[in-house]
Amino acid sequence: MFRQLLRTATPLAHRQAAIATKRTSIVPQSLMRYYSASGLTKDDVTTRIVDVIKAYDKSLAAKPISLESTYNKDLGLDSLDTVELIVAIEEEFEIEIPDKVADELKNVGETVDYIVSNPDAN
């Protein structure tokens, strides 16, 4: 009588122990963050920034834009235009450039280097 009970209880106890030792995640999978390299190359960033500059002001579309092009001298942007352009670049790459850094970005190359070095840029 008890042997039959022991035979059925033993596999059940092993199964319950296996279930009890299985770890479950407290944090839902959708809330976990996974980090990887940004995947943005310098050429991709340069192309996208040049496109943003050309879209910002149609008169700039005819001007040659290179990494050495300064916002004030070469592109003819005043300080307000430069701020608006930096905001457009922030929106393009879905990042926020701190004001101190934005004030130091004087040409396209410096902006490209900052975007490439920022891991949050998309």
PDB file of N, CA and C in Angstrom:
ATOM      1  N   MET A   1       0.822  -1.185   0.000  1.00  0.00           N
ATOM      2  CA  MET A   1       0.000   0.000   0.000  1.00  0.00           C
ATOM      3  C   MET A   1       0.868   1.251   0.000  1.00  0.00           C
ATOM      4  N   PHE A   2       1.865   1.298   0.879  1.00  0.00           N
ATOM      5  CA  PHE A   2       2.707   2.486   0.944  1.00  0.00           C
ATOM      6  C   PHE A   2       3.715   2.536  -0.204  1.00  0.00           C
ATOM      7  N   ARG A   3       4.077   1.362  -0.740  1.00  0.00           N
ATOM      8  CA  ARG A   3       5.011   1.336  -1.859  1.00  0.00           C
ATOM      9  C   ARG A   3       4.426   2.052  -3.075  1.00  0.00           C
ATOM     10  N   GLN A   4       3.211   1.803  -3.359  1.00  0.00           N
ATOM     11  CA  GLN A   4       2.544   2.458  -4.482  1.00  0.00           C
ATOM     12  C   GLN A   4       2.523   3.965  -4.273  1.00  0.00           C
ATOM     13  N   LEU A   5       2.281   4.394  -3.079  1.00  0.00           N
ATOM     14  CA  LEU A   5       2.264   5.820  -2.751  1.00  0.00           C
ATOM     15  C   LEU A   5       3.651   6.427  -2.920  1.00  0.00           C
ATOM     16  N   LEU A   6       4.705   5.706  -2.474  1.00  0.00           N
ATOM     17  CA  LEU A   6       6.074   6.190  -2.613  1.00  0.00           C
ATOM     18  C   LEU A   6       6.497   6.267  -4.082  1.00  0.00           C
ATOM     19  N   ARG A   7       6.099   5.311  -4.873  1.00  0.00           N
ATOM     20  CA  ARG A   7       6.469   5.299  -6.289  1.00  0.00           C
ATOM     21  C   ARG A   7       5.879   6.502  -7.032  1.00  0.00           C
ATOM     22  N   THR A   8       4.703   6.886  -6.731  1.00  0.00           N
ATOM     23  CA  THR A   8       4.089   8.031  -7.407  1.00  0.00           C
ATOM     24  C   THR A   8       4.534   9.354  -6.793  1.00  0.00           C
ATOM     25  N   ALA A   9       4.891   9.341  -5.519  1.00  0.00           N
ATOM     26  CA  ALA A   9       5.291  10.577  -4.849  1.00  0.00           C
ATOM     27  C   ALA A   9       6.710  10.989  -5.212  1.00  0.00           C
ATOM     28  N   THR A  10       7.602  10.033  -5.463  1.00  0.00           N
ATOM     29  CA  THR A  10       9.003  10.356  -5.748  1.00  0.00           C
ATOM     30  C   THR A  10       9.154  11.176  -7.035  1.00  0.00           C
ATOM     31  N   PRO A  11       8.603  10.768  -8.167  1.00  0.00           N
ATOM     32  CA  PRO A  11       8.736  11.601  -9.376  1.00  0.00           C
ATOM     33  C   PRO A  11       8.079  12.976  -9.202  1.00  0.00           C
ATOM     34  N   LEU A  12       6.989  13.009  -8.474  1.00  0.00           N
ATOM     35  CA  LEU A  12       6.308  14.274  -8.227  1.00  0.00           C
ATOM     36  C   LEU A  12       7.196  15.203  -7.408  1.00  0.00           C
ATOM     37  N   ALA A  13       7.895  14.670  -6.412  1.00  0.00           N
ATOM     38  CA  ALA A  13       8.788  15.484  -5.582  1.00  0.00           C
ATOM     39  C   ALA A  13       9.957  16.013  -6.414  1.00  0.00           C
ATOM     40  N   HIS A  14      10.501  15.198  -7.307  1.00  0.00           N
ATOM     41  CA  HIS A  14      11.601  15.646  -8.169  1.00  0.00           C
ATOM     42  C   HIS A  14      11.136  16.753  -9.115  1.00  0.00           C
ATOM     43  N   ARG A  15       9.962  16.615  -9.657  1.00  0.00           N
ATOM     44  CA  ARG A  15       9.425  17.614 -10.567  1.00  0.00           C
ATOM     45  C   ARG A  15       9.197  18.937  -9.845  1.00  0.00           C
ATOM     46  N   GLN A  16       8.669  18.882  -8.626  1.00  0.00           N
ATOM     47  CA  GLN A  16       8.429  20.102  -7.858  1.00  0.00           C
ATOM     48  C   GLN A  16       9.745  20.763  -7.468  1.00  0.00           C
ATOM     49  N   ALA A  17      10.766  19.963  -7.158  1.00  0.00           N
ATOM     50  CA  ALA A  17      12.074  20.525  -6.816  1.00  0.00           C
ATOM     51  C   ALA A  17      12.679  21.215  -8.037  1.00  0.00           C
ATOM     52  N   ALA A  18      12.511  20.621  -9.208  1.00  0.00           N
ATOM     53  CA  ALA A  18      13.037  21.231 -10.427  1.00  0.00           C
ATOM     54  C   ALA A  18      12.322  22.541 -10.726  1.00  0.00           C
ATOM     55  N   ILE A  19      11.041  22.577 -10.505  1.00  0.00           N
ATOM     56  CA  ILE A  19      10.274  23.804 -10.723  1.00  0.00           C
ATOM     57  C   ILE A  19      10.675  24.867  -9.714  1.00  0.00           C
ATOM     58  N   ALA A  20      10.887  24.460  -8.461  1.00  0.00           N
ATOM     59  CA  ALA A  20      11.239  25.419  -7.410  1.00  0.00           C
ATOM     60  C   ALA A  20      12.617  26.029  -7.636  1.00  0.00           C
ATOM     61  N   THR A  21      13.546  25.287  -8.247  1.00  0.00           N
ATOM     62  CA  THR A  21      14.894  25.821  -8.451  1.00  0.00           C
ATOM     63  C   THR A  21      15.002  26.650  -9.726  1.00  0.00           C
ATOM     64  N   LYS A  22      14.014  26.599 -10.577  1.00  0.00           N
ATOM     65  CA  LYS A  22      14.043  27.392 -11.794  1.00  0.00           C
ATOM     66  C   LYS A  22      13.904  28.866 -11.426  1.00  0.00           C
ATOM     67  N   ARG A  23      14.865  29.672 -11.896  1.00  0.00           N
ATOM     68  CA  ARG A  23      14.848  31.100 -11.574  1.00  0.00           C
ATOM     69  C   ARG A  23      13.949  31.841 -12.561  1.00  0.00           C
ATOM     70  N   THR A  24      13.252  32.771 -12.023  1.00  0.00           N
ATOM     71  CA  THR A  24      12.446  33.628 -12.874  1.00  0.00           C
ATOM     72  C   THR A  24      12.947  35.055 -12.741  1.00  0.00           C
ATOM     73  N   SER A  25      12.850  35.792 -13.803  1.00  0.00           N
ATOM     74  CA  SER A  25      13.316  37.171 -13.817  1.00  0.00           C
ATOM     75  C   SER A  25      12.278  38.069 -13.161  1.00  0.00           C
ATOM     76  N   ILE A  26      12.749  38.939 -12.310  1.00  0.00           N
ATOM     77  CA  ILE A  26      11.851  39.892 -11.665  1.00  0.00           C
ATOM     78  C   ILE A  26      11.555  41.050 -12.611  1.00  0.00           C
ATOM     79  N   VAL A  27      12.546  41.426 -13.425  1.00  0.00           N
ATOM     80  CA  VAL A  27      12.388  42.535 -14.358  1.00  0.00           C
ATOM     81  C   VAL A  27      11.821  41.992 -15.664  1.00  0.00           C
ATOM     82  N   PRO A  28      10.729  42.562 -16.146  1.00  0.00           N
ATOM     83  CA  PRO A  28      10.183  42.108 -17.420  1.00  0.00           C
ATOM     84  C   PRO A  28      11.195  42.297 -18.547  1.00  0.00           C
ATOM     85  N   GLN A  29      11.170  41.413 -19.505  1.00  0.00           N
ATOM     86  CA  GLN A  29      12.119  41.439 -20.617  1.00  0.00           C
ATOM     87  C   GLN A  29      12.067  42.768 -21.357  1.00  0.00           C
ATOM     88  N   SER A  30      10.895  43.375 -21.466  1.00  0.00           N
ATOM     89  CA  SER A  30      10.769  44.618 -22.215  1.00  0.00           C
ATOM     90  C   SER A  30      11.432  45.801 -21.521  1.00  0.00           C
ATOM     91  N   LEU A  31      11.707  45.701 -20.228  1.00  0.00           N
ATOM     92  CA  LEU A  31      12.331  46.795 -19.509  1.00  0.00           C
ATOM     93  C   LEU A  31      13.841  46.659 -19.409  1.00  0.00           C
ATOM     94  N   MET A  32      14.391  45.552 -19.855  1.00  0.00           N
ATOM     95  CA  MET A  32      15.834  45.359 -19.794  1.00  0.00           C
ATOM     96  C   MET A  32      16.503  46.147 -20.907  1.00  0.00           C
ATOM     97  N   ARG A  33      17.692  46.680 -20.617  1.00  0.00           N
ATOM     98  CA  ARG A  33      18.460  47.416 -21.612  1.00  0.00           C
ATOM     99  C   ARG A  33      19.615  46.547 -22.088  1.00  0.00           C
ATOM    100  N   TYR A  34      19.818  46.559 -23.361  1.00  0.00           N
ATOM    101  CA  TYR A  34      20.942  45.854 -23.952  1.00  0.00           C
ATOM    102  C   TYR A  34      21.801  46.886 -24.667  1.00  0.00           C
ATOM    103  N   TYR A  35      23.080  46.872 -24.391  1.00  0.00           N
ATOM    104  CA  TYR A  35      23.983  47.857 -24.967  1.00  0.00           C
ATOM    105  C   TYR A  35      24.824  47.217 -26.056  1.00  0.00           C
ATOM    106  N   SER A  36      25.044  47.994 -27.085  1.00  0.00           N
ATOM    107  CA  SER A  36      25.926  47.561 -28.156  1.00  0.00           C
ATOM    108  C   SER A  36      26.549  48.801 -28.777  1.00  0.00           C
ATOM    109  N   ALA A  37      27.468  48.595 -29.671  1.00  0.00           N
ATOM    110  CA  ALA A  37      28.087  49.727 -30.348  1.00  0.00           C
ATOM    111  C   ALA A  37      27.033  50.469 -31.154  1.00  0.00           C
ATOM    112  N   SER A  38      27.245  51.766 -31.316  1.00  0.00           N
ATOM    113  CA  SER A  38      26.230  52.569 -31.977  1.00  0.00           C
ATOM    114  C   SER A  38      26.032  52.154 -33.423  1.00  0.00           C
ATOM    115  N   GLY A  39      27.069  51.652 -34.071  1.00  0.00           N
ATOM    116  CA  GLY A  39      26.924  51.199 -35.434  1.00  0.00           C
ATOM    117  C   GLY A  39      26.987  52.318 -36.452  1.00  0.00           C
ATOM    118  N   LEU A  40      27.187  53.551 -36.016  1.00  0.00           N
ATOM    119  CA  LEU A  40      27.276  54.680 -36.929  1.00  0.00           C
ATOM    120  C   LEU A  40      28.727  54.880 -37.351  1.00  0.00           C
ATOM    121  N   THR A  41      28.943  54.858 -38.639  1.00  0.00           N
ATOM    122  CA  THR A  41      30.289  55.128 -39.134  1.00  0.00           C
ATOM    123  C   THR A  41      30.449  56.621 -39.376  1.00  0.00           C
ATOM    124  N   LYS A  42      31.679  57.051 -39.473  1.00  0.00           N
ATOM    125  CA  LYS A  42      31.948  58.474 -39.694  1.00  0.00           C
ATOM    126  C   LYS A  42      31.359  58.928 -41.032  1.00  0.00           C
ATOM    127  N   ASP A  43      31.416  58.077 -42.035  1.00  0.00           N
ATOM    128  CA  ASP A  43      30.856  58.431 -43.347  1.00  0.00           C
ATOM    129  C   ASP A  43      29.340  58.584 -43.282  1.00  0.00           C
ATOM    130  N   ASP A  44      28.667  57.674 -42.565  1.00  0.00           N
ATOM    131  CA  ASP A  44      27.214  57.765 -42.408  1.00  0.00           C
ATOM    132  C   ASP A  44      26.819  59.053 -41.698  1.00  0.00           C
ATOM    133  N   VAL A  45      27.530  59.354 -40.620  1.00  0.00           N
ATOM    134  CA  VAL A  45      27.227  60.560 -39.845  1.00  0.00           C
ATOM    135  C   VAL A  45      27.470  61.803 -40.693  1.00  0.00           C
ATOM    136  N   THR A  46      28.576  61.822 -41.431  1.00  0.00           N
ATOM    137  CA  THR A  46      28.884  62.973 -42.286  1.00  0.00           C
ATOM    138  C   THR A  46      27.792  63.186 -43.323  1.00  0.00           C
ATOM    139  N   THR A  47      27.371  62.121 -43.969  1.00  0.00           N
ATOM    140  CA  THR A  47      26.318  62.222 -44.982  1.00  0.00           C
ATOM    141  C   THR A  47      25.024  62.750 -44.384  1.00  0.00           C
ATOM    142  N   ARG A  48      24.639  62.230 -43.236  1.00  0.00           N
ATOM    143  CA  ARG A  48      23.391  62.669 -42.604  1.00  0.00           C
ATOM    144  C   ARG A  48      23.467  64.120 -42.150  1.00  0.00           C
ATOM    145  N   ILE A  49      24.617  64.542 -41.621  1.00  0.00           N
ATOM    146  CA  ILE A  49      24.749  65.935 -41.184  1.00  0.00           C
ATOM    147  C   ILE A  49      24.720  66.872 -42.387  1.00  0.00           C
ATOM    148  N   VAL A  50      25.394  66.509 -43.464  1.00  0.00           N
ATOM    149  CA  VAL A  50      25.360  67.338 -44.674  1.00  0.00           C
ATOM    150  C   VAL A  50      23.928  67.435 -45.199  1.00  0.00           C
ATOM    151  N   ASP A  51      23.180  66.343 -45.168  1.00  0.00           N
ATOM    152  CA  ASP A  51      21.777  66.368 -45.594  1.00  0.00           C
ATOM    153  C   ASP A  51      20.945  67.289 -44.705  1.00  0.00           C
ATOM    154  N   VAL A  52      21.196  67.260 -43.396  1.00  0.00           N
ATOM    155  CA  VAL A  52      20.471  68.146 -42.476  1.00  0.00           C
ATOM    156  C   VAL A  52      20.805  69.601 -42.779  1.00  0.00           C
ATOM    157  N   ILE A  53      22.068  69.886 -43.030  1.00  0.00           N
ATOM    158  CA  ILE A  53      22.480  71.264 -43.343  1.00  0.00           C
ATOM    159  C   ILE A  53      21.807  71.739 -44.625  1.00  0.00           C
ATOM    160  N   LYS A  54      21.802  70.900 -45.643  1.00  0.00           N
ATOM    161  CA  LYS A  54      21.183  71.282 -46.918  1.00  0.00           C
ATOM    162  C   LYS A  54      19.671  71.439 -46.786  1.00  0.00           C
ATOM    163  N   ALA A  55      19.047  70.625 -45.961  1.00  0.00           N
ATOM    164  CA  ALA A  55      17.606  70.743 -45.751  1.00  0.00           C
ATOM    165  C   ALA A  55      17.267  71.955 -44.887  1.00  0.00           C
ATOM    166  N   TYR A  56      18.196  72.358 -44.029  1.00  0.00           N
ATOM    167  CA  TYR A  56      17.956  73.496 -43.136  1.00  0.00           C
ATOM    168  C   TYR A  56      17.811  74.788 -43.925  1.00  0.00           C
ATOM    169  N   ASP A  57      18.686  74.991 -44.885  1.00  0.00           N
ATOM    170  CA  ASP A  57      18.656  76.230 -45.665  1.00  0.00           C
ATOM    171  C   ASP A  57      18.925  75.871 -47.124  1.00  0.00           C
ATOM    172  N   LYS A  58      17.951  76.129 -47.980  1.00  0.00           N
ATOM    173  CA  LYS A  58      18.072  75.749 -49.392  1.00  0.00           C
ATOM    174  C   LYS A  58      19.224  76.468 -50.082  1.00  0.00           C
ATOM    175  N   SER A  59      19.619  77.645 -49.585  1.00  0.00           N
ATOM    176  CA  SER A  59      20.746  78.351 -50.207  1.00  0.00           C
ATOM    177  C   SER A  59      22.068  77.639 -49.928  1.00  0.00           C
ATOM    178  N   LEU A  60      22.100  76.799 -48.880  1.00  0.00           N
ATOM    179  CA  LEU A  60      23.316  76.045 -48.568  1.00  0.00           C
ATOM    180  C   LEU A  60      23.461  74.808 -49.448  1.00  0.00           C
ATOM    181  N   ALA A  61      22.384  74.410 -50.113  1.00  0.00           N
ATOM    182  CA  ALA A  61      22.416  73.199 -50.932  1.00  0.00           C
ATOM    183  C   ALA A  61      23.401  73.331 -52.091  1.00  0.00           C
ATOM    184  N   ALA A  62      23.606  74.547 -52.583  1.00  0.00           N
ATOM    185  CA  ALA A  62      24.513  74.755 -53.710  1.00  0.00           C
ATOM    186  C   ALA A  62      25.966  74.867 -53.265  1.00  0.00           C
ATOM    187  N   LYS A  63      26.203  75.156 -51.993  1.00  0.00           N
ATOM    188  CA  LYS A  63      27.570  75.326 -51.493  1.00  0.00           C
ATOM    189  C   LYS A  63      28.211  73.964 -51.230  1.00  0.00           C
ATOM    190  N   PRO A  64      29.517  73.863 -51.516  1.00  0.00           N
ATOM    191  CA  PRO A  64      30.211  72.617 -51.159  1.00  0.00           C
ATOM    192  C   PRO A  64      30.404  72.549 -49.640  1.00  0.00           C
ATOM    193  N   ILE A  65      30.025  71.442 -49.055  1.00  0.00           N
ATOM    194  CA  ILE A  65      30.132  71.276 -47.603  1.00  0.00           C
ATOM    195  C   ILE A  65      31.111  70.143 -47.332  1.00  0.00           C
ATOM    196  N   SER A  66      32.142  70.450 -46.541  1.00  0.00           N
ATOM    197  CA  SER A  66      33.139  69.445 -46.178  1.00  0.00           C
ATOM    198  C   SER A  66      33.272  69.407 -44.659  1.00  0.00           C
ATOM    199  N   LEU A  67      34.125  68.524 -44.169  1.00  0.00           N
ATOM    200  CA  LEU A  67      34.341  68.435 -42.721  1.00  0.00           C
ATOM    201  C   LEU A  67      34.966  69.706 -42.163  1.00  0.00           C
ATOM    202  N   GLU A  68      35.679  70.448 -42.995  1.00  0.00           N
ATOM    203  CA  GLU A  68      36.330  71.673 -42.536  1.00  0.00           C
ATOM    204  C   GLU A  68      35.421  72.892 -42.622  1.00  0.00           C
ATOM    205  N   SER A  69      34.228  72.752 -43.184  1.00  0.00           N
ATOM    206  CA  SER A  69      33.311  73.889 -43.340  1.00  0.00           C
ATOM    207  C   SER A  69      32.866  74.402 -41.978  1.00  0.00           C
ATOM    208  N   THR A  70      33.148  75.691 -41.727  1.00  0.00           N
ATOM    209  CA  THR A  70      32.713  76.304 -40.469  1.00  0.00           C
ATOM    210  C   THR A  70      31.300  76.833 -40.645  1.00  0.00           C
ATOM    211  N   TYR A  71      30.564  76.844 -39.548  1.00  0.00           N
ATOM    212  CA  TYR A  71      29.178  77.298 -39.611  1.00  0.00           C
ATOM    213  C   TYR A  71      29.092  78.792 -39.897  1.00  0.00           C
ATOM    214  N   ASN A  72      29.957  79.593 -39.290  1.00  0.00           N
ATOM    215  CA  ASN A  72      29.888  81.046 -39.453  1.00  0.00           C
ATOM    216  C   ASN A  72      30.500  81.511 -40.768  1.00  0.00           C
ATOM    217  N   LYS A  73      31.761  81.211 -40.990  1.00  0.00           N
ATOM    218  CA  LYS A  73      32.474  81.762 -42.153  1.00  0.00           C
ATOM    219  C   LYS A  73      32.069  81.098 -43.462  1.00  0.00           C
ATOM    220  N   ASP A  74      32.184  79.782 -43.518  1.00  0.00           N
ATOM    221  CA  ASP A  74      31.955  79.085 -44.784  1.00  0.00           C
ATOM    222  C   ASP A  74      30.475  78.959 -45.149  1.00  0.00           C
ATOM    223  N   LEU A  75      29.639  78.701 -44.164  1.00  0.00           N
ATOM    224  CA  LEU A  75      28.218  78.504 -44.449  1.00  0.00           C
ATOM    225  C   LEU A  75      27.397  79.772 -44.246  1.00  0.00           C
ATOM    226  N   GLY A  76      27.991  80.784 -43.620  1.00  0.00           N
ATOM    227  CA  GLY A  76      27.307  82.066 -43.456  1.00  0.00           C
ATOM    228  C   GLY A  76      26.168  82.054 -42.452  1.00  0.00           C
ATOM    229  N   LEU A  77      26.219  81.165 -41.474  1.00  0.00           N
ATOM    230  CA  LEU A  77      25.162  81.095 -40.462  1.00  0.00           C
ATOM    231  C   LEU A  77      25.511  82.001 -39.285  1.00  0.00           C
ATOM    232  N   ASP A  78      24.508  82.735 -38.788  1.00  0.00           N
ATOM    233  CA  ASP A  78      24.750  83.511 -37.570  1.00  0.00           C
ATOM    234  C   ASP A  78      24.554  82.607 -36.362  1.00  0.00           C
ATOM    235  N   SER A  79      24.701  83.160 -35.164  1.00  0.00           N
ATOM    236  CA  SER A  79      24.661  82.326 -33.954  1.00  0.00           C
ATOM    237  C   SER A  79      23.298  81.657 -33.765  1.00  0.00           C
ATOM    238  N   LEU A  80      22.217  82.362 -34.069  1.00  0.00           N
ATOM    239  CA  LEU A  80      20.883  81.769 -33.922  1.00  0.00           C
ATOM    240  C   LEU A  80      20.680  80.640 -34.935  1.00  0.00           C
ATOM    241  N   ASP A  81      21.121  80.866 -36.164  1.00  0.00           N
ATOM    242  CA  ASP A  81      21.023  79.812 -37.179  1.00  0.00           C
ATOM    243  C   ASP A  81      21.827  78.579 -36.776  1.00  0.00           C
ATOM    244  N   THR A  82      22.993  78.814 -36.186  1.00  0.00           N
ATOM    245  CA  THR A  82      23.837  77.694 -35.750  1.00  0.00           C
ATOM    246  C   THR A  82      23.144  76.890 -34.662  1.00  0.00           C
ATOM    247  N   VAL A  83      22.510  77.582 -33.712  1.00  0.00           N
ATOM    248  CA  VAL A  83      21.777  76.888 -32.642  1.00  0.00           C
ATOM    249  C   VAL A  83      20.629  76.075 -33.235  1.00  0.00           C
ATOM    250  N   GLU A  84      19.886  76.665 -34.163  1.00  0.00           N
ATOM    251  CA  GLU A  84      18.774  75.947 -34.791  1.00  0.00           C
ATOM    252  C   GLU A  84      19.274  74.733 -35.581  1.00  0.00           C
ATOM    253  N   LEU A  85      20.424  74.881 -36.220  1.00  0.00           N
ATOM    254  CA  LEU A  85      21.005  73.759 -36.960  1.00  0.00           C
ATOM    255  C   LEU A  85      21.431  72.639 -36.015  1.00  0.00           C
ATOM    256  N   ILE A  86      22.036  72.996 -34.890  1.00  0.00           N
ATOM    257  CA  ILE A  86      22.437  71.987 -33.894  1.00  0.00           C
ATOM    258  C   ILE A  86      21.203  71.260 -33.361  1.00  0.00           C
ATOM    259  N   VAL A  87      20.107  71.992 -33.145  1.00  0.00           N
ATOM    260  CA  VAL A  87      18.858  71.363 -32.691  1.00  0.00           C
ATOM    261  C   VAL A  87      18.353  70.383 -33.757  1.00  0.00           C
ATOM    262  N   ALA A  88      18.436  70.762 -35.016  1.00  0.00           N
ATOM    263  CA  ALA A  88      18.017  69.859 -36.097  1.00  0.00           C
ATOM    264  C   ALA A  88      18.894  68.609 -36.135  1.00  0.00           C
ATOM    265  N   ILE A  89      20.189  68.776 -35.872  1.00  0.00           N
ATOM    266  CA  ILE A  89      21.101  67.625 -35.829  1.00  0.00           C
ATOM    267  C   ILE A  89      20.774  66.738 -34.634  1.00  0.00           C
ATOM    268  N   GLU A  90      20.444  67.343 -33.496  1.00  0.00           N
ATOM    269  CA  GLU A  90      20.033  66.566 -32.317  1.00  0.00           C
ATOM    270  C   GLU A  90      18.812  65.717 -32.636  1.00  0.00           C
ATOM    271  N   GLU A  91      17.842  66.309 -33.331  1.00  0.00           N
ATOM    272  CA  GLU A  91      16.630  65.567 -33.691  1.00  0.00           C
ATOM    273  C   GLU A  91      16.939  64.444 -34.675  1.00  0.00           C
ATOM    274  N   GLU A  92      17.841  64.691 -35.595  1.00  0.00           N
ATOM    275  CA  GLU A  92      18.212  63.674 -36.586  1.00  0.00           C
ATOM    276  C   GLU A  92      18.815  62.441 -35.924  1.00  0.00           C
ATOM    277  N   PHE A  93      19.661  62.657 -34.915  1.00  0.00           N
ATOM    278  CA  PHE A  93      20.363  61.546 -34.272  1.00  0.00           C
ATOM    279  C   PHE A  93      19.742  61.143 -32.932  1.00  0.00           C
ATOM    280  N   GLU A  94      18.623  61.752 -32.579  1.00  0.00           N
ATOM    281  CA  GLU A  94      17.879  61.429 -31.352  1.00  0.00           C
ATOM    282  C   GLU A  94      18.753  61.509 -30.106  1.00  0.00           C
ATOM    283  N   ILE A  95      19.503  62.603 -29.989  1.00  0.00           N
ATOM    284  CA  ILE A  95      20.346  62.830 -28.819  1.00  0.00           C
ATOM    285  C   ILE A  95      20.166  64.265 -28.352  1.00  0.00           C
ATOM    286  N   GLU A  96      20.729  64.572 -27.199  1.00  0.00           N
ATOM    287  CA  GLU A  96      20.758  65.945 -26.715  1.00  0.00           C
ATOM    288  C   GLU A  96      22.213  66.333 -26.504  1.00  0.00           C
ATOM    289  N   ILE A  97      22.617  67.373 -27.199  1.00  0.00           N
ATOM    290  CA  ILE A  97      23.987  67.870 -27.081  1.00  0.00           C
ATOM    291  C   ILE A  97      23.989  68.935 -25.993  1.00  0.00           C
ATOM    292  N   PRO A  98      24.801  68.772 -24.953  1.00  0.00           N
ATOM    293  CA  PRO A  98      24.844  69.780 -23.884  1.00  0.00           C
ATOM    294  C   PRO A  98      25.231  71.153 -24.444  1.00  0.00           C
ATOM    295  N   ASP A  99      24.710  72.215 -23.820  1.00  0.00           N
ATOM    296  CA  ASP A  99      24.957  73.574 -24.304  1.00  0.00           C
ATOM    297  C   ASP A  99      26.438  73.908 -24.380  1.00  0.00           C
ATOM    298  N   LYS A 100      27.208  73.486 -23.386  1.00  0.00           N
ATOM    299  CA  LYS A 100      28.654  73.767 -23.399  1.00  0.00           C
ATOM    300  C   LYS A 100      29.324  73.133 -24.610  1.00  0.00           C
ATOM    301  N   VAL A 101      28.931  71.920 -24.924  1.00  0.00           N
ATOM    302  CA  VAL A 101      29.512  71.227 -26.078  1.00  0.00           C
ATOM    303  C   VAL A 101      29.034  71.882 -27.371  1.00  0.00           C
ATOM    304  N   ALA A 102      27.749  72.219 -27.433  1.00  0.00           N
ATOM    305  CA  ALA A 102      27.195  72.833 -28.641  1.00  0.00           C
ATOM    306  C   ALA A 102      27.880  74.159 -28.955  1.00  0.00           C
ATOM    307  N   ASP A 103      28.239  74.924 -27.927  1.00  0.00           N
ATOM    308  CA  ASP A 103      28.933  76.199 -28.137  1.00  0.00           C
ATOM    309  C   ASP A 103      30.321  76.001 -28.721  1.00  0.00           C
ATOM    310  N   GLU A 104      30.926  74.844 -28.486  1.00  0.00           N
ATOM    311  CA  GLU A 104      32.279  74.575 -28.968  1.00  0.00           C
ATOM    312  C   GLU A 104      32.304  73.960 -30.368  1.00  0.00           C
ATOM    313  N   LEU A 105      31.156  73.543 -30.871  1.00  0.00           N
ATOM    314  CA  LEU A 105      31.100  72.943 -32.207  1.00  0.00           C
ATOM    315  C   LEU A 105      31.095  74.061 -33.245  1.00  0.00           C
ATOM    316  N   LYS A 106      32.232  74.276 -33.879  1.00  0.00           N
ATOM    317  CA  LYS A 106      32.384  75.390 -34.821  1.00  0.00           C
ATOM    318  C   LYS A 106      32.351  74.964 -36.282  1.00  0.00           C
ATOM    319  N   ASN A 107      32.590  73.672 -36.542  1.00  0.00           N
ATOM    320  CA  ASN A 107      32.554  73.223 -37.934  1.00  0.00           C
ATOM    321  C   ASN A 107      31.916  71.838 -38.035  1.00  0.00           C
ATOM    322  N   VAL A 108      31.737  71.398 -39.254  1.00  0.00           N
ATOM    323  CA  VAL A 108      31.064  70.123 -39.511  1.00  0.00           C
ATOM    324  C   VAL A 108      31.871  68.958 -38.942  1.00  0.00           C
ATOM    325  N   GLY A 109      33.187  69.002 -39.073  1.00  0.00           N
ATOM    326  CA  GLY A 109      34.042  67.913 -38.595  1.00  0.00           C
ATOM    327  C   GLY A 109      33.945  67.700 -37.099  1.00  0.00           C
ATOM    328  N   GLU A 110      33.920  68.793 -36.332  1.00  0.00           N
ATOM    329  CA  GLU A 110      33.785  68.675 -34.876  1.00  0.00           C
ATOM    330  C   GLU A 110      32.441  68.064 -34.505  1.00  0.00           C
ATOM    331  N   THR A 111      31.402  68.435 -35.242  1.00  0.00           N
ATOM    332  CA  THR A 111      30.068  67.887 -34.982  1.00  0.00           C
ATOM    333  C   THR A 111      30.030  66.399 -35.311  1.00  0.00           C
ATOM    334  N   VAL A 112      30.630  66.015 -36.417  1.00  0.00           N
ATOM    335  CA  VAL A 112      30.687  64.598 -36.801  1.00  0.00           C
ATOM    336  C   VAL A 112      31.427  63.797 -35.738  1.00  0.00           C
ATOM    337  N   ASP A 113      32.568  64.304 -35.293  1.00  0.00           N
ATOM    338  CA  ASP A 113      33.350  63.600 -34.270  1.00  0.00           C
ATOM    339  C   ASP A 113      32.559  63.432 -32.980  1.00  0.00           C
ATOM    340  N   TYR A 114      31.801  64.457 -32.590  1.00  0.00           N
ATOM    341  CA  TYR A 114      30.999  64.356 -31.366  1.00  0.00           C
ATOM    342  C   TYR A 114      29.909  63.295 -31.527  1.00  0.00           C
ATOM    343  N   ILE A 115      29.219  63.306 -32.654  1.00  0.00           N
ATOM    344  CA  ILE A 115      28.130  62.343 -32.878  1.00  0.00           C
ATOM    345  C   ILE A 115      28.680  60.914 -32.894  1.00  0.00           C
ATOM    346  N   VAL A 116      29.800  60.703 -33.568  1.00  0.00           N
ATOM    347  CA  VAL A 116      30.392  59.358 -33.651  1.00  0.00           C
ATOM    348  C   VAL A 116      30.804  58.865 -32.270  1.00  0.00           C
ATOM    349  N   SER A 117      31.292  59.772 -31.423  1.00  0.00           N
ATOM    350  CA  SER A 117      31.749  59.363 -30.090  1.00  0.00           C
ATOM    351  C   SER A 117      30.609  59.204 -29.091  1.00  0.00           C
ATOM    352  N   ASN A 118      29.401  59.634 -29.454  1.00  0.00           N
ATOM    353  CA  ASN A 118      28.258  59.549 -28.545  1.00  0.00           C
ATOM    354  C   ASN A 118      27.569  58.191 -28.712  1.00  0.00           C
ATOM    355  N   PRO A 119      27.557  57.357 -27.660  1.00  0.00           N
ATOM    356  CA  PRO A 119      26.963  56.019 -27.795  1.00  0.00           C
ATOM    357  C   PRO A 119      25.440  56.024 -27.924  1.00  0.00           C
ATOM    358  N   ASP A 120      24.788  57.140 -27.593  1.00  0.00           N
ATOM    359  CA  ASP A 120      23.329  57.203 -27.669  1.00  0.00           C
ATOM    360  C   ASP A 120      22.818  57.611 -29.042  1.00  0.00           C
ATOM    361  N   ALA A 121      23.711  58.007 -29.927  1.00  0.00           N
ATOM    362  CA  ALA A 121      23.299  58.479 -31.250  1.00  0.00           C
ATOM    363  C   ALA A 121      22.726  57.334 -32.077  1.00  0.00           C
ATOM    364  N   ASN A 122      21.627  57.640 -32.780  1.00  0.00           N
ATOM    365  CA  ASN A 122      20.964  56.641 -33.632  1.00  0.00           C
ATOM    366  C   ASN A 122      20.998  57.089 -35.068  1.00  0.00           C
TER     367      ASN A 122
END
